[in-house]
Amino acid sequence: MRLRSLRVLSCLALSLLSACGGGGGGGSSTPPQTGGSAPAPSPSVSLAMTTAPIDLNVISGESADMTVQGTWTKQNLDAPVYLSVRDAGGRFTLPQPAVATGTAFSMKLSAPSTLAAGTYDGTLELRACKDAACADTWAGTASLAYTMKVAPPEWAMYQGNPAHTGYVPVTLDPARFAKAWEWQRKETSPLGAAINPVVTRNGTVFITGDVYFGQGIVYALSEQDGSETWRYPMGQVPALGPPSVSKGRVYAAVTGQGETTLWAFDAAKGDVLAKSAFEGQLPHVMAPTVSGDMVLTGAGQFGGKTYAFSTSTGASNWVHDAGGVWDMWAPAADDTYVYHHNGAALFMIDRASGATVAQIADPLSTGNTSNGYFGGPVLGSKRDAISFAGGAFSGRASSSQEHYDQRVLSSFDLTQRRYNWSTANPYLTAPALADGVLYAGRNTPSVLDAMDEATGKVLWSWFPPESAETIHRNIIVTRNLLFVSTDRAVYAIDLATRKSVWRYAEPGALALSADRTLYIAVGATSSTGKLVAIRLQK
């Protein structure tokens, strides 16, 4: 009994360490584990920019595209990766996040046309996103510094731009104005050595000689010293209109029966890039209007037609027939519509199809629509368009000749598509518009009026120094000065004091370049063939 009890006690004690079995049986134990499996690697995305820091030059009023490139890789990740770029300064139009493919990426960014002149510094940041909305991102970014220089707009077409406002957003000091150079056309035709109003781009001023069955020539001069960069002799042509320039192309129309053609030249070299035929019975035309990917001109076999061509190929986009005025008009354009006043009504034209969207009658039309128009709608800041009522007459087959007729200016509401108001007085000059004020010159008596854009009411007036002086050609307005030509001189008027602060004793058609050079195509009513360059900053 004693021995059995001892054995039971021993078994109970040993059970703390191992299993105990009867009949002399034994047990075994498994050693505890000392480690587990390794954790899975974390997913990650790596980004790198390969584009060099950006130094972009842009002209105010024009959009500009650029491309950003780089590489990306992902590790331990099967889900799609969305690449997104953002600009803290909000200056670029950015692409939507897109699924990354391969190992390289390329993104197109656009600098909008609404940026004011100035220098902008900033940083583009590339992010890798977990979803298309970029609500959640992977760690790590890549960045790219940029400097964007936005120059004042060039004087690229009739009254400077597709809205025909005659406005150049610069501040000028009359004390710094100085004549830089002058140039005289040597080639003559039955019209003498006349030149048309000029345009500018990237340090070059472009000129066409006004001819009547003579040698048509396009000239390119350096803004620096007036030296000739290139010229293109077009041969004997019936007539040659004023030039326009945009994004590396110069446009000018030869007109006359079957020879009526819009030419496109390389602005840097003078090479012919395209020829686009349109109709005309020896019409005379204003400078073509260039807007985005479209160049517009007005003529027609019996007048009244607006022609739209592709800027890249020269192919015809559409033709719009409004009837009315025979020739000498410049359509206006924005991102959605083309605008044309045919002497009796304002037409809103769909820029994609050329279809009439609205026709707004002008109750102040003179009924004179069988001659030329000599002008184009001015697009304002209040979704309005302001344009001459009725046509005009020059008495000479020439696009460098000023017309005789003064006409009231009518305003149209482009949202409600209705007539707004007309001025109390008729005007002669091509008007200018800035900051809610419309500027135009008239004679009998000679006066330049500043009018409220919303009502047409005269806010203030400027009179030439001599009572016998008459006002001519076109108006240019800047942030602080207004330029106007009389039959004796060109004046700069201070907008704050409303007094003349500078005078140059040769009148003519005016242009103001991004290089801050004022050009005078000399001749109050008829061109002399002389061009004067006034440097507005030293």
Protein backbone atom coordinates (compact mmCIF):
# COMPACT_ATOMS: atom_id res chain seq x y z
CA MET A 1 0.00 0.00 0.00
CA ARG A 2 2.77 2.37 0.84
CA LEU A 3 4.60 1.70 -2.41
CA ARG A 4 1.44 2.25 -4.48
CA SER A 5 0.73 5.56 -2.76
CA LEU A 6 4.25 6.78 -3.44
CA ARG A 7 3.85 5.93 -7.10
CA VAL A 8 0.58 7.89 -7.37
CA LEU A 9 2.13 10.92 -5.73
CA SER A 10 5.12 10.74 -8.07
CA CYS A 11 2.83 10.54 -11.10
CA LEU A 12 0.82 13.52 -9.95
CA ALA A 13 4.00 15.53 -9.53
CA LEU A 14 5.39 14.55 -12.89
CA SER A 15 2.10 15.45 -14.63
CA LEU A 16 3.04 19.08 -14.22
CA LEU A 17 5.89 18.46 -16.61
CA SER A 18 4.62 15.71 -18.89
CA ALA A 19 1.81 13.28 -19.54
CA CYS A 20 1.72 10.37 -17.24
CA GLY A 21 0.60 6.89 -18.36
CA GLY A 22 -0.12 3.73 -16.47
CA GLY A 23 1.62 0.43 -16.77
CA GLY A 24 5.03 2.14 -17.04
CA GLY A 25 4.07 4.18 -20.18
CA GLY A 26 5.92 7.52 -20.90
CA GLY A 27 5.11 10.92 -22.72
CA SER A 28 6.79 13.58 -24.93
CA SER A 29 6.59 17.50 -25.33
CA THR A 30 6.91 19.94 -28.38
CA PRO A 31 9.23 22.92 -27.93
CA PRO A 32 7.43 26.31 -28.16
CA GLN A 33 7.90 28.37 -31.33
CA THR A 34 10.37 31.20 -31.06
CA GLY A 35 9.29 33.27 -34.22
CA GLY A 36 6.54 33.88 -37.02
CA SER A 37 6.39 34.59 -40.85
CA ALA A 38 7.84 37.98 -42.12
CA PRO A 39 5.23 40.81 -42.71
CA ALA A 40 4.29 41.61 -46.36
CA PRO A 41 6.21 44.61 -47.94
CA SER A 42 4.25 47.90 -47.95
CA PRO A 43 2.96 49.21 -51.29
CA SER A 44 4.55 52.45 -52.53
CA VAL A 45 4.78 54.74 -55.57
CA SER A 46 7.84 56.72 -56.70
CA LEU A 47 7.62 59.88 -58.88
CA ALA A 48 10.19 61.98 -60.73
CA MET A 49 9.99 64.98 -63.08
CA THR A 50 12.25 64.91 -66.14
CA THR A 51 11.15 68.31 -67.49
CA ALA A 52 13.61 71.10 -66.73
CA PRO A 53 12.40 74.08 -64.67
CA ILE A 54 9.99 76.05 -66.82
CA ASP A 55 10.62 79.54 -68.19
CA LEU A 56 7.48 80.30 -70.19
CA ASN A 57 6.80 83.44 -72.23
CA VAL A 58 3.12 84.21 -72.82
CA ILE A 59 1.30 87.10 -74.46
CA SER A 60 -1.64 88.43 -72.46
CA GLY A 61 -4.89 87.64 -74.19
CA GLU A 62 -3.54 84.46 -75.76
CA SER A 63 -3.52 80.94 -74.33
CA ALA A 64 -0.28 78.96 -74.35
CA ASP A 65 0.27 75.22 -74.01
CA MET A 66 3.17 73.38 -72.39
CA THR A 67 4.02 69.73 -71.67
CA VAL A 68 5.29 68.29 -68.37
CA GLN A 69 7.03 64.90 -68.46
CA GLY A 70 8.43 62.47 -65.92
CA THR A 71 8.66 58.86 -64.74
CA TRP A 72 6.87 56.76 -62.15
CA THR A 73 7.14 53.30 -60.62
CA LYS A 74 5.08 51.29 -58.16
CA GLN A 75 6.13 48.56 -55.71
CA ASN A 76 3.97 45.79 -54.23
CA LEU A 77 0.84 47.30 -55.69
CA ASP A 78 -1.73 45.82 -58.05
CA ALA A 79 -4.32 48.64 -57.88
CA PRO A 80 -4.33 51.39 -60.55
CA VAL A 81 -2.40 54.60 -59.86
CA TYR A 82 -3.81 57.98 -60.93
CA LEU A 83 -1.36 60.79 -61.67
CA SER A 84 -2.40 64.35 -60.93
CA VAL A 85 -0.64 67.71 -61.15
CA ARG A 86 -1.66 70.81 -59.22
CA ASP A 87 -0.60 74.45 -59.18
CA ALA A 88 -0.94 76.25 -55.87
CA GLY A 89 -0.95 79.57 -57.72
CA GLY A 90 -3.95 78.53 -59.80
CA ARG A 91 -2.41 79.94 -62.98
CA PHE A 92 -2.54 76.89 -65.22
CA THR A 93 -5.48 74.97 -66.63
CA LEU A 94 -4.66 71.43 -65.49
CA PRO A 95 -5.59 67.99 -66.87
CA GLN A 96 -7.85 65.66 -64.90
CA PRO A 97 -6.17 62.80 -62.94
CA ALA A 98 -5.53 59.88 -65.30
CA VAL A 99 -4.50 56.24 -64.84
CA ALA A 100 -0.74 55.91 -65.19
CA THR A 101 0.58 53.41 -67.72
CA GLY A 102 4.08 52.25 -68.59
CA THR A 103 6.84 53.96 -66.67
CA ALA A 104 6.72 57.46 -68.20
CA PHE A 105 4.06 60.14 -68.31
CA SER A 106 3.35 63.30 -70.29
CA MET A 107 0.81 65.96 -69.30
CA LYS A 108 -0.43 68.95 -71.27
CA LEU A 109 -1.03 72.17 -69.32
CA SER A 110 -2.42 75.48 -70.59
CA ALA A 111 -1.78 79.03 -69.47
CA PRO A 112 -5.15 80.80 -69.85
CA SER A 113 -5.63 83.92 -71.94
CA THR A 114 -7.00 85.83 -68.92
CA LEU A 115 -3.67 86.33 -67.14
CA ALA A 116 -2.68 89.97 -66.76
CA ALA A 117 0.75 91.14 -67.87
CA GLY A 118 3.45 90.43 -65.29
CA THR A 119 5.88 87.78 -64.01
CA TYR A 120 4.54 84.77 -62.12
CA ASP A 121 6.67 82.31 -60.11
CA GLY A 122 5.33 79.07 -58.73
CA THR A 123 5.66 75.30 -58.38
CA LEU A 124 3.83 72.44 -60.04
CA GLU A 125 3.35 69.42 -57.77
CA LEU A 126 2.89 65.89 -59.13
CA ARG A 127 0.91 63.48 -56.95
CA ALA A 128 0.11 59.76 -57.16
CA CYS A 129 -3.55 59.19 -56.25
CA LYS A 130 -5.47 56.13 -55.10
CA ASP A 131 -8.69 57.17 -56.85
CA ALA A 132 -9.84 59.21 -59.86
CA ALA A 133 -10.99 62.07 -57.64
CA CYS A 134 -7.55 62.19 -55.98
CA ALA A 135 -9.24 62.17 -52.56
CA ASP A 136 -6.49 59.90 -51.20
CA THR A 137 -2.86 59.89 -52.26
CA TRP A 138 0.25 57.77 -51.92
CA ALA A 139 3.12 59.22 -49.95
CA GLY A 140 5.68 61.25 -51.85
CA THR A 141 5.44 63.93 -54.55
CA ALA A 142 7.60 65.43 -57.29
CA SER A 143 7.78 69.17 -57.96
CA LEU A 144 8.75 71.47 -60.80
CA ALA A 145 9.47 75.19 -60.48
CA TYR A 146 8.20 77.61 -63.09
CA THR A 147 8.50 81.24 -64.07
CA MET A 148 5.85 82.57 -66.42
CA LYS A 149 6.37 85.96 -68.04
CA VAL A 150 3.15 87.40 -69.42
CA ALA A 151 3.83 90.25 -71.82
CA PRO A 152 1.30 92.92 -72.74
CA PRO A 153 -0.79 91.88 -75.75
CA GLU A 154 0.58 92.50 -79.21
CA TRP A 155 -1.22 94.74 -81.67
CA ALA A 156 -2.23 91.77 -83.80
CA MET A 157 -5.23 92.86 -85.91
CA TYR A 158 -7.87 95.58 -86.30
CA GLN A 159 -7.96 97.49 -83.00
CA GLY A 160 -5.44 95.11 -81.54
CA ASN A 161 -7.41 91.96 -80.65
CA PRO A 162 -10.42 89.79 -81.60
CA ALA A 163 -12.68 91.92 -79.37
CA HIS A 164 -11.45 95.09 -81.17
CA THR A 165 -11.18 97.01 -77.89
CA GLY A 166 -8.07 99.03 -78.74
CA TYR A 167 -6.95 98.45 -75.14
CA VAL A 168 -3.34 97.70 -74.16
CA PRO A 169 -2.96 97.08 -70.38
CA VAL A 170 0.27 99.00 -69.72
CA THR A 171 1.14 102.05 -67.65
CA LEU A 172 3.28 104.59 -69.50
CA ASP A 173 5.38 107.63 -68.57
CA PRO A 174 5.23 110.38 -71.25
CA ALA A 175 8.57 111.75 -70.03
CA ARG A 176 10.25 108.64 -71.45
CA PHE A 177 8.73 108.82 -74.93
CA ALA A 178 11.27 109.23 -77.74
CA LYS A 179 11.30 108.68 -81.49
CA ALA A 180 13.21 105.49 -82.33
CA TRP A 181 13.22 105.33 -86.13
CA GLU A 182 11.20 105.84 -89.29
CA TRP A 183 10.72 103.83 -92.47
CA GLN A 184 9.42 104.81 -95.90
CA ARG A 185 7.98 102.45 -98.48
CA LYS A 186 9.86 102.92 -101.76
CA GLU A 187 7.71 100.81 -104.10
CA THR A 188 4.85 102.69 -105.70
CA SER A 189 1.60 101.85 -107.49
CA PRO A 190 -1.35 103.90 -108.76
CA LEU A 191 -1.97 104.62 -105.06
CA GLY A 192 1.55 105.94 -104.58
CA ALA A 193 3.60 104.43 -101.75
CA ALA A 194 0.67 103.99 -99.36
CA ILE A 195 0.83 101.41 -96.56
CA ASN A 196 -1.96 99.84 -94.56
CA PRO A 197 -2.26 99.93 -90.73
CA VAL A 198 0.46 97.75 -89.18
CA VAL A 199 0.56 94.87 -86.68
CA THR A 200 3.27 93.53 -84.35
CA ARG A 201 4.56 90.26 -82.91
CA ASN A 202 7.70 89.15 -81.03
CA GLY A 203 9.82 92.19 -81.83
CA THR A 204 8.68 92.48 -85.45
CA VAL A 205 6.30 94.90 -87.14
CA PHE A 206 4.45 93.66 -90.23
CA ILE A 207 3.35 95.91 -93.09
CA THR A 208 1.48 95.49 -96.36
CA GLY A 209 1.65 97.99 -99.16
CA ASP A 210 -1.74 99.28 -100.28
CA VAL A 211 -1.98 98.76 -104.04
CA TYR A 212 -4.44 99.08 -106.88
CA PHE A 213 -3.32 96.71 -109.64
CA GLY A 214 0.28 96.93 -108.55
CA GLN A 215 3.09 95.00 -106.89
CA GLY A 216 1.83 93.46 -103.65
CA ILE A 217 4.50 93.18 -100.95
CA VAL A 218 4.46 92.04 -97.33
CA TYR A 219 7.27 93.53 -95.20
CA ALA A 220 8.69 92.46 -91.83
CA LEU A 221 10.78 95.04 -89.92
CA SER A 222 12.73 94.78 -86.69
CA GLU A 223 11.11 96.76 -83.89
CA GLN A 224 14.58 97.56 -82.59
CA ASP A 225 15.84 99.64 -85.49
CA GLY A 226 13.40 99.36 -88.42
CA SER A 227 15.71 97.18 -90.48
CA GLU A 228 14.04 94.80 -92.91
CA THR A 229 13.87 91.21 -91.65
CA TRP A 230 12.14 89.81 -94.72
CA ARG A 231 9.82 90.75 -97.54
CA TYR A 232 7.57 88.71 -99.80
CA PRO A 233 6.77 90.07 -103.29
CA MET A 234 3.36 88.71 -104.31
CA GLY A 235 3.47 89.90 -107.91
CA GLN A 236 0.87 92.11 -109.57
CA VAL A 237 -2.35 92.01 -107.55
CA PRO A 238 -5.61 93.99 -107.81
CA ALA A 239 -5.58 95.01 -104.12
CA LEU A 240 -3.87 94.01 -100.87
CA GLY A 241 -5.47 94.43 -97.44
CA PRO A 242 -3.96 95.13 -94.00
CA PRO A 243 -2.17 92.28 -92.20
CA SER A 244 -2.94 90.35 -89.01
CA VAL A 245 -0.56 88.17 -87.02
CA SER A 246 -1.04 85.37 -84.50
CA LYS A 247 1.08 82.51 -83.15
CA GLY A 248 3.75 82.55 -85.81
CA ARG A 249 1.55 83.32 -88.83
CA VAL A 250 0.92 86.53 -90.74
CA TYR A 251 -2.32 86.85 -92.72
CA ALA A 252 -3.20 89.23 -95.54
CA ALA A 253 -5.89 89.12 -98.23
CA VAL A 254 -5.44 89.76 -101.93
CA THR A 255 -8.80 90.79 -103.39
CA GLY A 256 -10.15 91.12 -106.91
CA GLN A 257 -12.52 88.77 -108.76
CA GLY A 258 -10.98 85.29 -109.11
CA GLU A 259 -7.78 86.34 -107.34
CA THR A 260 -9.47 86.93 -103.99
CA THR A 261 -7.36 84.86 -101.58
CA LEU A 262 -6.31 84.91 -97.93
CA TRP A 263 -2.55 84.29 -97.69
CA ALA A 264 -0.77 82.91 -94.62
CA PHE A 265 2.98 83.48 -94.12
CA ASP A 266 5.54 82.20 -91.65
CA ALA A 267 6.08 85.20 -89.37
CA ALA A 268 9.77 84.40 -88.80
CA LYS A 269 10.83 83.62 -92.38
CA GLY A 270 8.18 84.95 -94.72
CA ASP A 271 7.47 81.59 -96.36
CA VAL A 272 3.96 81.05 -97.76
CA LEU A 273 2.16 78.49 -95.59
CA ALA A 274 -1.36 78.48 -97.05
CA LYS A 275 -3.69 80.18 -99.55
CA SER A 276 -7.45 80.18 -98.96
CA ALA A 277 -9.74 81.34 -101.76
CA PHE A 278 -12.94 83.29 -101.10
CA GLU A 279 -15.34 85.40 -103.17
CA GLY A 280 -15.16 89.07 -104.05
CA GLN A 281 -15.77 91.54 -106.86
CA LEU A 282 -12.73 93.70 -106.22
CA PRO A 283 -13.67 94.28 -102.55
CA HIS A 284 -11.37 95.93 -100.04
CA VAL A 285 -11.02 94.28 -96.67
CA MET A 286 -10.01 95.09 -93.13
CA ALA A 287 -7.30 93.09 -91.37
CA PRO A 288 -8.45 89.49 -90.80
CA THR A 289 -9.65 88.62 -87.31
CA VAL A 290 -7.76 85.74 -85.70
CA SER A 291 -9.39 83.94 -82.76
CA GLY A 292 -8.10 80.63 -81.45
CA ASP A 293 -7.84 78.19 -84.36
CA MET A 294 -9.89 80.36 -86.72
CA VAL A 295 -9.11 83.28 -89.03
CA LEU A 296 -12.04 85.37 -90.31
CA THR A 297 -12.45 87.82 -93.14
CA GLY A 298 -15.44 89.52 -94.76
CA ALA A 299 -16.28 90.07 -98.45
CA GLY A 300 -18.44 88.06 -100.87
CA GLN A 301 -19.33 88.16 -104.55
CA PHE A 302 -22.11 90.58 -103.69
CA GLY A 303 -20.85 91.48 -100.23
CA GLY A 304 -22.17 90.47 -96.84
CA LYS A 305 -20.30 87.19 -96.36
CA THR A 306 -18.02 86.25 -93.46
CA TYR A 307 -15.50 83.52 -94.23
CA ALA A 308 -13.91 81.32 -91.55
CA PHE A 309 -10.70 79.37 -92.23
CA SER A 310 -8.51 77.04 -90.17
CA THR A 311 -5.33 78.69 -88.91
CA SER A 312 -3.41 75.41 -89.16
CA THR A 313 -4.40 74.24 -92.64
CA GLY A 314 -6.13 77.16 -94.34
CA ALA A 315 -9.15 74.96 -95.05
CA SER A 316 -12.61 76.55 -95.11
CA ASN A 317 -14.62 76.07 -91.91
CA TRP A 318 -17.81 77.82 -93.00
CA VAL A 319 -19.31 80.82 -94.81
CA HIS A 320 -21.97 83.06 -93.27
CA ASP A 321 -24.12 85.29 -95.49
CA ALA A 322 -25.68 88.29 -93.71
CA GLY A 323 -26.09 90.47 -96.79
CA GLY A 324 -25.81 94.20 -96.24
CA VAL A 325 -22.55 96.13 -96.33
CA TRP A 326 -20.33 95.30 -99.29
CA ASP A 327 -16.87 95.11 -97.70
CA MET A 328 -14.41 96.66 -95.20
CA TRP A 329 -15.55 95.02 -91.97
CA ALA A 330 -13.70 93.07 -89.27
CA PRO A 331 -15.77 90.40 -87.49
CA ALA A 332 -15.28 90.19 -83.72
CA ALA A 333 -15.00 86.85 -81.91
CA ASP A 334 -14.92 85.22 -78.50
CA ASP A 335 -14.77 81.56 -77.44
CA THR A 336 -18.38 80.87 -78.47
CA TYR A 337 -19.53 83.28 -81.15
CA VAL A 338 -18.47 85.41 -84.10
CA TYR A 339 -20.08 88.88 -84.33
CA HIS A 340 -20.78 90.92 -87.45
CA HIS A 341 -22.75 94.14 -87.95
CA ASN A 342 -23.97 94.33 -91.54
CA GLY A 343 -25.06 97.97 -91.29
CA ALA A 344 -28.63 97.07 -90.32
CA ALA A 345 -28.29 94.44 -87.58
CA LEU A 346 -25.84 92.66 -85.33
CA PHE A 347 -25.42 88.97 -86.11
CA MET A 348 -24.32 86.41 -83.52
CA ILE A 349 -22.81 83.46 -85.38
CA ASP A 350 -21.97 80.06 -83.92
CA ARG A 351 -18.21 79.79 -84.31
CA ALA A 352 -18.30 76.01 -84.71
CA SER A 353 -20.93 75.78 -87.47
CA GLY A 354 -21.31 79.28 -88.90
CA ALA A 355 -25.07 79.24 -88.24
CA THR A 356 -26.92 82.40 -87.21
CA VAL A 357 -27.69 82.24 -83.48
CA ALA A 358 -29.31 85.67 -83.26
CA GLN A 359 -30.00 88.69 -85.46
CA ILE A 360 -30.56 91.90 -83.49
CA ALA A 361 -31.95 94.81 -85.50
CA ASP A 362 -30.26 98.20 -85.15
CA PRO A 363 -33.02 100.85 -84.99
CA LEU A 364 -30.48 103.61 -85.70
CA SER A 365 -29.26 102.10 -88.97
CA THR A 366 -28.86 104.76 -91.64
CA GLY A 367 -29.93 102.31 -94.31
CA ASN A 368 -26.56 102.85 -95.99
CA THR A 369 -25.57 99.22 -96.47
CA SER A 370 -24.57 99.24 -100.14
CA ASN A 371 -21.09 100.62 -99.49
CA GLY A 372 -18.36 99.54 -97.08
CA TYR A 373 -18.65 99.27 -93.32
CA PHE A 374 -15.25 100.50 -92.07
CA GLY A 375 -15.28 98.96 -88.60
CA GLY A 376 -16.19 95.98 -86.48
CA PRO A 377 -18.06 95.22 -83.26
CA VAL A 378 -16.33 96.03 -79.97
CA LEU A 379 -16.95 93.34 -77.34
CA GLY A 380 -17.39 94.87 -73.90
CA SER A 381 -17.10 93.84 -70.28
CA LYS A 382 -20.87 93.63 -69.72
CA ARG A 383 -21.61 90.88 -72.26
CA ASP A 384 -22.32 93.61 -74.80
CA ALA A 385 -21.21 94.55 -78.30
CA ILE A 386 -20.90 98.13 -79.55
CA SER A 387 -20.85 98.82 -83.28
CA PHE A 388 -21.46 101.52 -85.88
CA ALA A 389 -25.00 101.78 -87.25
CA GLY A 390 -25.06 101.88 -91.05
CA GLY A 391 -22.28 101.74 -93.60
CA ALA A 392 -19.71 104.31 -94.71
CA PHE A 393 -17.98 105.49 -97.87
CA SER A 394 -14.36 106.38 -98.61
CA GLY A 395 -14.62 107.53 -102.23
CA ARG A 396 -11.45 105.63 -103.13
CA ALA A 397 -10.63 101.99 -103.80
CA SER A 398 -8.12 101.70 -100.96
CA SER A 399 -7.87 100.02 -97.56
CA SER A 400 -5.48 102.72 -96.33
CA GLN A 401 -7.98 105.52 -96.98
CA GLU A 402 -10.16 106.81 -94.14
CA HIS A 403 -13.93 106.88 -94.74
CA TYR A 404 -15.99 110.07 -94.72
CA ASP A 405 -19.18 109.16 -92.90
CA GLN A 406 -19.79 109.69 -89.19
CA ARG A 407 -22.29 107.27 -87.61
CA VAL A 408 -23.82 106.68 -84.20
CA LEU A 409 -22.57 103.74 -82.16
CA SER A 410 -25.18 101.20 -81.04
CA SER A 411 -24.93 98.82 -78.08
CA PHE A 412 -26.39 95.30 -77.95
CA ASP A 413 -27.03 93.00 -74.98
CA LEU A 414 -25.50 89.65 -75.93
CA THR A 415 -27.13 87.72 -73.08
CA GLN A 416 -30.70 88.92 -73.69
CA ARG A 417 -29.94 89.33 -77.41
CA ARG A 418 -31.53 92.73 -77.69
CA TYR A 419 -30.68 96.34 -78.55
CA ASN A 420 -29.48 98.51 -75.65
CA TRP A 421 -28.83 102.10 -76.71
CA SER A 422 -27.20 104.35 -79.30
CA THR A 423 -24.98 107.37 -78.81
CA ALA A 424 -26.46 110.83 -79.06
CA ASN A 425 -23.74 111.87 -81.51
CA PRO A 426 -22.20 110.29 -84.63
CA TYR A 427 -18.50 109.33 -84.55
CA LEU A 428 -15.72 108.80 -87.08
CA THR A 429 -12.81 107.04 -85.38
CA ALA A 430 -12.48 103.37 -84.56
CA PRO A 431 -13.46 103.40 -80.87
CA ALA A 432 -11.61 101.94 -77.88
CA LEU A 433 -13.02 100.42 -74.71
CA ALA A 434 -11.53 99.85 -71.26
CA ASP A 435 -12.77 99.71 -67.65
CA GLY A 436 -16.38 100.41 -68.59
CA VAL A 437 -15.58 103.51 -70.66
CA LEU A 438 -15.97 103.82 -74.45
CA TYR A 439 -13.77 106.35 -76.28
CA ALA A 440 -14.50 107.72 -79.78
CA GLY A 441 -13.69 110.85 -81.77
CA ARG A 442 -15.95 112.96 -83.97
CA ASN A 443 -15.88 116.20 -85.92
CA THR A 444 -18.31 119.13 -86.30
CA PRO A 445 -17.23 119.97 -83.67
CA SER A 446 -13.93 118.17 -83.18
CA VAL A 447 -14.07 116.34 -79.87
CA LEU A 448 -13.10 113.06 -78.28
CA ASP A 449 -15.81 111.73 -75.96
CA ALA A 450 -15.46 109.29 -73.06
CA MET A 451 -18.80 107.50 -72.66
CA ASP A 452 -20.33 105.16 -70.11
CA GLU A 453 -20.32 101.64 -71.56
CA ALA A 454 -23.61 100.84 -69.81
CA THR A 455 -25.60 103.83 -71.08
CA GLY A 456 -23.67 105.61 -73.84
CA LYS A 457 -23.82 108.87 -71.88
CA VAL A 458 -20.82 111.22 -72.26
CA LEU A 459 -18.73 111.28 -69.07
CA TRP A 460 -16.12 113.81 -70.21
CA SER A 461 -14.64 115.23 -73.40
CA TRP A 462 -11.29 116.35 -74.79
CA PHE A 463 -10.94 119.03 -77.46
CA PRO A 464 -7.91 119.43 -79.74
CA PRO A 465 -5.75 122.47 -78.89
CA GLU A 466 -6.60 124.27 -82.12
CA SER A 467 -10.21 124.76 -83.12
CA ALA A 468 -9.51 123.90 -86.76
CA GLU A 469 -8.02 120.48 -85.93
CA THR A 470 -10.09 117.45 -86.86
CA ILE A 471 -9.94 113.94 -85.31
CA HIS A 472 -9.13 110.87 -87.41
CA ARG A 473 -8.21 107.18 -87.62
CA ASN A 474 -8.35 105.08 -84.42
CA ILE A 475 -8.17 105.37 -80.64
CA ILE A 476 -5.79 103.42 -78.35
CA VAL A 477 -6.30 103.33 -74.58
CA THR A 478 -3.88 102.11 -71.90
CA ARG A 479 -4.18 101.98 -68.10
CA ASN A 480 -3.32 105.65 -67.76
CA LEU A 481 -3.14 107.24 -71.22
CA LEU A 482 -5.24 107.52 -74.34
CA PHE A 483 -3.74 108.06 -77.82
CA VAL A 484 -5.62 109.92 -80.55
CA SER A 485 -4.67 111.40 -83.92
CA THR A 486 -5.89 114.69 -85.36
CA ASP A 487 -5.10 115.94 -88.84
CA ARG A 488 -1.97 117.60 -87.41
CA ALA A 489 -0.51 115.42 -84.67
CA VAL A 490 -0.81 112.42 -82.37
CA TYR A 491 -1.65 113.22 -78.74
CA ALA A 492 -1.41 111.29 -75.46
CA ILE A 493 -4.15 112.27 -73.01
CA ASP A 494 -3.83 111.57 -69.29
CA LEU A 495 -6.98 109.73 -68.14
CA ALA A 496 -6.76 111.18 -64.65
CA THR A 497 -6.29 114.86 -65.56
CA ARG A 498 -7.98 114.56 -68.99
CA LYS A 499 -5.29 116.79 -70.45
CA SER A 500 -2.80 116.28 -73.26
CA VAL A 501 0.62 115.31 -71.87
CA TRP A 502 2.50 114.50 -75.11
CA ARG A 503 2.35 115.45 -78.79
CA TYR A 504 4.05 114.18 -81.93
CA ALA A 505 3.65 116.36 -85.01
CA GLU A 506 2.70 113.67 -87.54
CA PRO A 507 -0.81 112.17 -87.63
CA GLY A 508 -1.86 108.70 -88.73
CA ALA A 509 -3.21 105.23 -87.97
CA LEU A 510 -1.93 103.94 -84.61
CA ALA A 511 -0.64 100.64 -83.21
CA LEU A 512 1.01 99.86 -79.85
CA SER A 513 3.21 96.77 -79.50
CA ALA A 514 4.03 94.57 -76.51
CA ASP A 515 7.53 96.01 -76.82
CA ARG A 516 5.90 99.33 -75.80
CA THR A 517 6.50 100.97 -79.15
CA LEU A 518 3.86 103.26 -80.64
CA TYR A 519 3.60 103.09 -84.44
CA ILE A 520 2.17 105.84 -86.62
CA ALA A 521 1.32 104.90 -90.20
CA VAL A 522 1.55 108.52 -91.25
CA GLY A 523 -1.40 110.22 -92.94
CA ALA A 524 -4.52 111.65 -91.31
CA THR A 525 -6.86 110.45 -94.05
CA SER A 526 -4.54 108.95 -96.73
CA SER A 527 -1.30 107.07 -96.15
CA THR A 528 1.99 108.67 -97.17
CA GLY A 529 3.83 105.33 -96.98
CA LYS A 530 5.83 106.44 -93.94
CA LEU A 531 5.97 104.56 -90.63
CA VAL A 532 7.23 106.24 -87.44
CA ALA A 533 8.24 104.27 -84.32
CA ILE A 534 8.02 106.01 -80.94
CA ARG A 535 9.70 104.15 -78.08
CA LEU A 536 7.52 104.54 -74.99
CA GLN A 537 10.13 103.31 -72.54
CA LYS A 538 13.91 103.78 -72.60
